[in-house]
Every structure is written in C-alpha cells, then in structure tokens.
Protein backbone atom coordinates (compact mmCIF):
# COMPACT_ATOMS: atom_id res chain seq x y z
CA UNK A 1 16.76 14.65 17.84
CA UNK A 2 17.99 11.41 16.80
CA UNK A 3 16.81 9.92 13.41
CA UNK A 4 16.98 6.62 11.57
CA UNK A 5 20.24 4.95 10.93
CA UNK A 6 21.47 4.29 7.43
CA UNK A 7 20.44 0.65 6.44
CA UNK A 8 22.45 -2.05 5.50
CA UNK A 9 21.93 -3.71 1.95
CA UNK A 10 19.29 -6.22 1.37
CA UNK A 11 16.22 -7.10 3.63
CA UNK A 12 17.91 -9.31 6.40
CA UNK A 13 19.18 -6.56 8.84
CA UNK A 14 19.42 -7.48 12.18
CA UNK A 15 16.98 -6.19 14.36
CA UNK A 16 14.59 -5.68 11.32
CA UNK A 17 11.28 -4.30 12.88
CA UNK A 18 9.00 -5.62 10.13
CA UNK A 19 10.36 -8.90 10.38
CA UNK A 20 7.92 -10.63 12.96
CA UNK A 21 5.19 -7.93 12.83
CA UNK A 22 1.56 -9.23 13.10
CA UNK A 23 -0.68 -6.54 11.33
CA UNK A 24 -4.45 -6.13 12.59
CA UNK A 25 -6.36 -8.01 9.57
CA UNK A 26 -10.02 -7.68 10.43
CA UNK A 27 -11.93 -9.06 13.29
CA UNK A 28 -13.46 -12.43 13.42
CA UNK A 29 -17.11 -12.77 13.14
CA UNK A 30 -18.37 -11.86 16.59
CA UNK A 31 -14.92 -9.67 17.45
CA UNK A 32 -13.14 -8.90 19.04
CA UNK A 33 -12.77 -5.74 16.99
CA UNK A 34 -9.58 -4.50 15.77
CA UNK A 35 -8.14 -1.02 16.96
CA UNK A 36 -9.07 1.45 14.10
CA UNK A 37 -5.23 2.19 13.42
CA UNK A 38 -2.21 0.16 13.90
CA UNK A 39 1.06 1.67 14.29
CA UNK A 40 4.46 0.35 13.86
CA UNK A 41 7.24 2.41 15.11
CA UNK A 42 10.06 1.52 13.01
CA UNK A 43 12.20 3.99 14.71
CA UNK A 44 11.42 7.36 16.35
CA UNK A 45 11.16 9.25 12.87
CA UNK A 46 9.54 6.52 10.76
CA UNK A 47 6.02 5.03 11.35
CA UNK A 48 3.90 2.38 9.24
CA UNK A 49 -0.01 2.84 10.09
CA UNK A 50 -2.61 0.42 8.97
CA UNK A 51 -6.07 1.03 8.86
CA UNK A 52 -8.52 -1.35 10.05
CA UNK A 53 -10.70 -3.70 8.05
CA UNK A 54 -13.56 -2.83 10.75
CA UNK A 55 -13.23 0.57 9.40
CA UNK A 56 -12.96 -0.29 5.46
CA UNK A 57 -12.12 -3.31 3.87
CA UNK A 58 -9.20 -2.09 1.82
CA UNK A 59 -7.28 -1.65 4.98
CA UNK A 60 -4.58 0.26 3.61
CA UNK A 61 -1.29 1.06 4.91
CA UNK A 62 0.02 4.57 5.44
CA UNK A 63 3.51 5.97 5.89
CA UNK A 64 4.72 8.78 8.52
CA UNK A 65 8.57 9.95 7.72
CA UNK A 66 9.90 12.46 9.74
CA UNK A 67 12.84 15.03 9.11
CA UNK A 68 14.05 17.60 11.20
CA UNK A 69 12.16 20.37 9.75
CA UNK A 70 8.74 18.28 8.35
CA UNK A 71 7.24 15.06 7.93
CA UNK A 72 5.76 13.35 4.82
CA UNK A 73 2.66 11.56 5.32
CA UNK A 74 1.91 9.16 2.15
CA UNK A 75 -1.93 8.81 2.05
CA UNK A 76 -4.73 9.74 4.40
CA UNK A 77 -6.98 6.17 4.15
CA UNK A 78 -10.01 4.72 2.84
CA UNK A 79 -12.81 6.80 4.93
CA UNK A 80 -13.35 10.37 5.89
CA UNK A 81 -13.27 10.19 9.48
CA UNK A 82 -10.83 7.14 10.34
CA UNK A 83 -8.70 8.89 13.13
CA UNK A 84 -5.56 9.32 10.95
CA UNK A 85 -5.54 13.16 12.02
CA UNK A 86 -5.82 12.33 15.71
CA UNK A 87 -2.83 9.27 15.09
CA UNK A 88 -0.35 11.64 13.32
CA UNK A 89 -0.85 14.46 15.66
CA UNK A 90 0.07 12.23 18.51
CA UNK A 91 2.96 10.77 16.61
CA UNK A 92 4.08 14.41 15.87
CA UNK A 93 3.67 15.96 19.48
CA UNK A 94 6.77 17.39 20.97
CA UNK A 95 8.25 18.18 17.84
CA UNK A 96 7.58 21.82 18.05
CA UNK A 97 5.32 24.79 17.31
CA UNK A 98 7.04 25.35 13.93
CA UNK A 99 7.22 21.89 12.62
CA UNK A 100 5.76 21.14 9.28
CA UNK A 101 3.31 18.13 7.80
CA UNK A 102 3.03 17.44 4.19
CA UNK A 103 0.21 15.39 3.23
CA UNK A 104 0.91 13.72 -0.45
CA UNK A 105 -0.31 10.26 -1.97
CA UNK A 106 0.79 7.43 -3.34
CA UNK A 107 -1.75 7.99 -5.81
CA UNK A 108 -5.28 9.33 -6.19
CA UNK A 109 -7.61 6.44 -5.72
CA UNK A 110 -10.47 6.58 -3.26
CA UNK A 111 -8.88 4.42 -0.66
CA UNK A 112 -5.92 6.72 -0.44
CA UNK A 113 -7.36 10.27 -0.45
CA UNK A 114 -10.55 9.86 1.62
CA UNK A 115 -9.16 11.04 4.90
CA UNK A 116 -7.83 14.33 3.30
CA UNK A 117 -10.35 16.48 4.52
CA UNK A 118 -9.19 15.57 8.31
CA UNK A 119 -6.16 17.96 7.61
CA UNK A 120 -7.94 20.69 6.38
CA UNK A 121 -7.10 23.88 8.64
CA UNK A 122 -4.34 22.10 10.54
CA UNK A 123 -1.62 24.71 11.20
CA UNK A 124 1.55 24.37 9.05
CA UNK A 125 0.21 21.49 6.77
CA UNK A 126 0.23 21.33 3.30
CA UNK A 127 -2.05 18.60 1.44
CA UNK A 128 -0.84 18.04 -2.14
CA UNK A 129 -3.43 17.59 -4.89
CA UNK A 130 -3.62 14.19 -6.46
CA UNK A 131 -3.59 14.74 -10.12
CA UNK A 132 -0.62 14.53 -12.28
CA UNK A 133 -0.60 18.70 -12.54
CA UNK A 134 -0.50 19.14 -8.60
CA UNK A 135 2.28 16.26 -8.19
CA UNK A 136 4.43 17.70 -10.82
CA UNK A 137 4.09 21.35 -9.36
CA UNK A 138 4.58 20.34 -5.76
CA UNK A 139 7.72 17.97 -6.20
CA UNK A 140 9.27 19.99 -9.04
CA UNK A 141 9.28 17.48 -11.66
CA UNK A 142 10.81 18.82 -15.03
CA UNK A 143 10.43 15.50 -16.76
CA UNK A 144 7.22 13.53 -15.54
CA UNK A 145 7.48 10.57 -14.76
CA UNK A 146 10.92 9.53 -15.73
CA UNK A 147 12.88 12.34 -13.42
CA UNK A 148 13.97 11.40 -9.95
CA UNK A 149 13.54 14.35 -7.38
CA UNK A 150 14.78 15.24 -4.25
CA UNK A 151 12.27 16.09 -1.30
CA UNK A 152 14.21 17.33 1.89
CA UNK A 153 12.45 16.72 5.16
CA UNK A 154 15.69 18.48 7.23
CA UNK A 155 18.28 16.20 7.31
CA UNK A 156 16.63 13.64 5.57
CA UNK A 157 16.09 13.75 1.83
CA UNK A 158 13.45 11.41 0.03
CA UNK A 159 13.88 10.54 -3.75
CA UNK A 160 10.51 10.55 -5.56
CA UNK A 161 9.90 9.35 -9.14
CA UNK A 162 6.85 8.90 -11.15
CA UNK A 163 5.18 5.49 -11.72
CA UNK A 164 1.99 5.49 -13.64
CA UNK A 165 -0.02 2.71 -14.82
CA UNK A 166 -2.37 1.85 -11.84
CA UNK A 167 -2.98 5.70 -11.79
CA UNK A 168 -1.70 8.36 -13.74
CA UNK A 169 -0.43 10.28 -11.08
CA UNK A 170 1.18 7.66 -8.78
CA UNK A 171 4.53 8.06 -7.47
CA UNK A 172 7.45 6.00 -5.70
CA UNK A 173 9.24 7.21 -2.90
CA UNK A 174 12.79 5.96 -1.68
CA UNK A 175 13.95 6.58 1.91
CA UNK A 176 17.68 6.08 1.88
CA UNK A 177 17.65 6.12 5.70
CA UNK A 178 15.79 3.06 6.25
CA UNK A 179 16.05 1.61 2.93
CA UNK A 180 12.25 1.26 1.96
CA UNK A 181 11.16 1.53 -1.41
CA UNK A 182 7.24 2.83 -1.05
CA UNK A 183 5.63 1.36 -4.22
CA UNK A 184 1.63 2.47 -3.23
CA UNK A 185 -0.57 0.13 -5.34
CA UNK A 186 2.09 -0.63 -8.10
CA UNK A 187 3.76 -3.35 -6.35
CA UNK A 188 2.26 -5.31 -3.31
CA UNK A 189 1.25 -8.71 -2.32
CA UNK A 190 -2.53 -8.70 -4.02
CA UNK A 191 -4.20 -7.81 -7.06
CA UNK A 192 -2.33 -5.36 -9.09
CA UNK A 193 -4.81 -3.41 -11.28
CA UNK A 194 -3.55 -2.01 -14.26
CA UNK A 195 -5.25 0.98 -16.38
CA UNK A 196 -2.41 1.62 -18.62
CA UNK A 197 -0.17 -1.41 -19.44
CA UNK A 198 2.64 0.39 -21.53
CA UNK A 199 3.04 2.81 -18.68
CA UNK A 200 2.85 0.14 -16.00
CA UNK A 201 5.59 -1.82 -17.56
CA UNK A 202 7.78 1.48 -18.21
CA UNK A 203 7.33 2.24 -14.49
CA UNK A 204 8.42 -1.08 -13.44
CA UNK A 205 11.38 -1.13 -15.85
CA UNK A 206 12.45 2.45 -14.35
CA UNK A 207 11.66 1.05 -10.69
CA UNK A 208 13.56 -2.11 -10.92
CA UNK A 209 16.55 -0.30 -12.33
CA UNK A 210 16.24 2.13 -9.67
CA UNK A 211 16.08 -0.35 -6.80
CA UNK A 212 18.97 -2.44 -8.28
CA UNK A 213 21.48 0.73 -7.87
CA UNK A 214 20.22 1.27 -4.23
CA UNK A 215 20.66 -0.55 -0.88
CA UNK A 216 16.62 -1.41 -0.79
CA UNK A 217 15.63 -3.14 2.53
CA UNK A 218 12.03 -3.53 1.93
CA UNK A 219 9.43 -2.91 -0.86
CA UNK A 220 6.45 -1.48 0.67
CA UNK A 221 2.90 -1.27 -0.91
CA UNK A 222 -0.46 -0.30 0.42
CA UNK A 223 -2.36 -3.35 0.86
CA UNK A 224 -2.33 -7.17 1.55
CA UNK A 225 -4.68 -8.97 -0.57
CA UNK A 226 -3.03 -12.40 -1.04
CA UNK A 227 -3.13 -15.40 1.50
CA UNK A 228 0.00 -17.28 2.00
CA UNK A 229 -0.91 -19.96 -0.28
CA UNK A 230 0.25 -19.45 -4.00
CA UNK A 231 -2.21 -18.05 -6.08
CA UNK A 232 -4.88 -17.73 -3.47
CA UNK A 233 -6.23 -14.17 -2.96
CA UNK A 234 -8.81 -12.97 -0.52
CA UNK A 235 -12.07 -11.80 -2.19
CA UNK A 236 -12.86 -8.42 -2.84
CA UNK A 237 -14.41 -6.92 0.20
CA UNK A 238 -13.15 -9.62 2.45
CA UNK A 239 -13.17 -8.28 6.24
CA UNK A 240 -10.98 -10.83 8.06
CA UNK A 241 -7.64 -12.16 6.99
CA UNK A 242 -6.23 -14.06 9.42
CA UNK A 243 -3.67 -15.88 6.75
CA UNK A 244 -1.88 -13.04 5.33
CA UNK A 245 1.48 -13.04 3.91
CA UNK A 246 4.06 -10.21 5.20
CA UNK A 247 3.56 -6.68 3.86
CA UNK A 248 7.23 -6.34 2.81
CA UNK A 249 8.41 -7.77 -0.40
CA UNK A 250 12.03 -7.82 -1.81
CA UNK A 251 13.86 -6.26 -5.11
CA UNK A 252 13.29 -9.88 -6.47
CA UNK A 253 9.99 -9.81 -6.05
CA UNK A 254 9.76 -6.31 -7.69
CA UNK A 255 11.85 -7.78 -10.31
CA UNK A 256 9.47 -10.70 -10.71
CA UNK A 257 6.34 -8.26 -11.06
CA UNK A 258 8.14 -6.40 -13.85
CA UNK A 259 8.85 -9.70 -15.57
CA UNK A 260 5.28 -10.71 -15.18
CA UNK A 261 4.02 -7.61 -16.62
CA UNK A 262 6.22 -7.97 -19.80
CA UNK A 263 4.95 -11.35 -20.24
CA UNK A 264 1.27 -10.56 -20.03
CA UNK A 265 1.38 -6.83 -21.56
CA UNK A 266 -0.54 -8.22 -24.85
CA UNK A 267 -3.00 -10.39 -22.75
CA UNK A 268 -5.92 -8.56 -21.43
CA UNK A 269 -7.41 -10.54 -18.27
CA UNK A 270 -6.36 -11.62 -14.79
CA UNK A 271 -3.00 -13.68 -14.40
CA UNK A 272 -1.83 -15.27 -11.18
CA UNK A 273 1.86 -15.20 -10.41
CA UNK A 274 2.11 -16.99 -6.78
CA UNK A 275 2.34 -14.07 -4.62
CA UNK A 276 0.52 -11.52 -6.97
CA UNK A 277 -1.99 -11.11 -9.52
CA UNK A 278 -1.97 -8.95 -12.58
CA UNK A 279 -5.44 -7.51 -13.62
CA UNK A 280 -4.66 -6.09 -17.18
CA UNK A 281 -7.30 -3.90 -18.22
CA UNK A 282 -11.11 -3.78 -17.07
CA UNK A 283 -11.17 -7.54 -16.35
CA UNK A 284 -14.87 -7.83 -16.30
CA UNK A 285 -15.44 -11.37 -15.79
CA UNK A 286 -12.77 -11.68 -13.17
CA UNK A 287 -14.00 -8.52 -11.41
CA UNK A 288 -17.52 -9.88 -11.55
CA UNK A 289 -16.48 -13.04 -9.81
CA UNK A 290 -14.42 -11.23 -7.11
CA UNK A 291 -17.52 -9.54 -6.48
CA UNK A 292 -19.48 -12.75 -6.16
CA UNK A 293 -16.71 -14.39 -3.83
CA UNK A 294 -16.95 -11.04 -1.50
CA UNK A 295 -20.40 -11.08 -1.19
CA UNK A 296 -20.84 -15.06 -0.43
CA UNK A 297 -17.94 -13.98 2.08
CA UNK A 298 -19.70 -11.18 3.79
CA UNK A 299 -23.05 -13.37 3.36
CA UNK A 300 -21.31 -15.96 5.24
CA UNK A 301 -20.18 -13.93 8.16
CA UNK A 302 -23.48 -12.56 8.74
CA UNK A 303 -24.85 -16.22 9.01
CA UNK A 304 -22.20 -17.29 11.41
CA UNK A 305 -22.83 -13.96 13.52
CA UNK A 306 -26.53 -15.01 14.01
CA UNK A 307 -25.23 -18.48 15.19
CA UNK A 308 -25.89 -21.01 12.15
CA UNK A 309 -24.23 -23.95 13.48
CA UNK A 310 -23.64 -25.52 10.04
CA UNK A 311 -21.08 -22.86 9.14
CA UNK A 312 -19.17 -22.58 12.46
CA UNK A 313 -16.71 -25.57 11.73
CA UNK A 314 -15.65 -23.48 8.34
CA UNK A 315 -17.02 -23.44 4.77
CA UNK A 316 -15.96 -24.72 1.41
CA UNK A 317 -13.62 -22.45 -0.38
CA UNK A 318 -14.60 -20.81 -3.71
CA UNK A 319 -12.09 -21.09 -6.56
CA UNK A 320 -9.77 -17.94 -6.63
CA UNK A 321 -9.41 -16.22 -10.09
CA UNK A 322 -5.91 -15.71 -8.96
CA UNK A 323 -4.65 -18.94 -10.38
CA UNK A 324 -4.32 -18.58 -13.73
CA UNK A 325 -5.35 -16.69 -17.05
CA UNK A 326 -8.73 -15.53 -17.44
CA UNK A 327 -10.57 -13.63 -20.33
CA UNK A 328 -11.73 -10.04 -19.64
C-alpha cells in the first residue's frame, strides 16, 4: 500500500493539500447545515477531520495517521456520539482484518476525549488514557516531558514529545512523512489557555527548537477561533465562523507564540498578538466577557431565525478581548 512521500522543507510545497481548503465552519442562521464531520484526505494514509459547529461549538480537528500495521487517531471529538467511529471505520476499511488502531489524545480536555466511548469494544483497538501516567506508560517515556520518543505505525515512525502547560498530559506529534507538527491546543490560531505558564514556556522552547531542526511543512493545532482580522477572535460558543483564517501555521508563527509567552509570563490576563491570544491564568474578567459575547451572538442568531428584520442586515460588533492586555 503506497504511503505519503517525504515532505520538502517549508510550507510552500507544490500541491499542498491544505493551501486552498475551505473547512466547514458552522451553518448560517436557517441553514443549510454542515455535515457532522468533514474529512480532508492529505494522501491515502493521512486524514484531517473537522467536527461540525452544528455538533458542538468547539469544532475540533482530529488527525488519523496510517502506517502499514496500525493507525493513530489523535482525539475523538467534543461529543459522545459524533460519528467519529463510523468515519474512521470507513477510512480504514480495506486495510485488512489484522490492522490495528491506537486512539490517543493531544491532551485530556473534554472536547478532545468525549468520543472515546465510541471505540470501546472495537476489535484490535487500544484507547490510551489521558492522564500523565497513562501517556508515559503507553508511549514509553522515561524522561517526561522532555524526551522525544518514537511511535512506529509500521513503515511510518512518528516522533512524540510532552508539551504540558495547557494541560499536564499534553503531547506534540511530528510526522516526518508529511512534515506535520501536531500541537493540540498548545499552538493554534485562537485563544491559547495556559494553566501552568512555566511549563507552557518550557514546552514552547522545546517545540521551537524541535521544529527548527526538522523539515516542518505545517504547524497544525486543534481549533480555529480567530477571524482574519488581527486581534479579532470569534466569541466563545460561536456557532458560525465564515471568516476563519487557515488552520495551518508556520514555524515562524510557532516561534512568535513562544516569544509572546515569554513576554507575558509574569503578567496574568488576556494578551492579543494578532493571530492568537494568550490567556495567562484564570482570566476571570476576560472569560466573563467572552461568555457575554457568546451569549449575545447566540441570542442574535435565534432572533434572526424567527425573522426579526432589524437584524437581518447585520449587527454591531462587540469589542474583542483579544486586542490587548487585560486584568484577570
């Protein structure tokens, strides 16, 4: 079975399958509805799945990477019954009765593990736990989180390292075959929530050094929360995001996240940096405003659905808390 080719250095490869992709981003008021899951076939052994905002506002991205002997599914989505199992089964059909599946997680938050139960009892399937002990044991870390370990899928060896800070059991996965660096919720175009800033900065230091030493084609996280306008994020709980930037980021943007984290390490609060926002600590005021923005967004959507003409021509935007520094 043919597999992916070795990537060229950088993110400007000819025939880049991510270059012009348009992801599902929620349905406008009144529809039509998105499919539950969108699948991008990067090649015949690499798939990116996005769960619809019509299923859950988090709309996470999931990654299915196939080798000759087994596949790795990173994350299972934000809902218990979201069609992930059926989608994965379809993508793996025809690979033989002995083909294995490993279900692991970029980290253990609910929007990344809610679908785990769909894989309970699936033949030749291992579902990895999502606490530090389970992650260390399964991948064979002797020195967590600094160590880089190899996870072989059969003719396709991935490199896995720990990246706590957003979540204590977070991992980052590098696929040499595509050049993809899969960063979970540590780096993506959105709100980067930090629970442990020293660990977050240390993880980003290692990640930037790791990426600089390898041909990384794309830095790929698990969400899109920004708009294409600098420092303008969609509100928490938003169900329709038609002006999303690309999912893929560059090594330069990864380095910018690292530099920004260093800059605000001793300054709790929400801090905007153009194409991402760092939430250092609980950020209670910023999170309260996010919830207000989200509630108003959803209420406006309901009003439009029942036909209030005053809102059909658009509504006034609320200030975004992604544009500057804010108190907790």
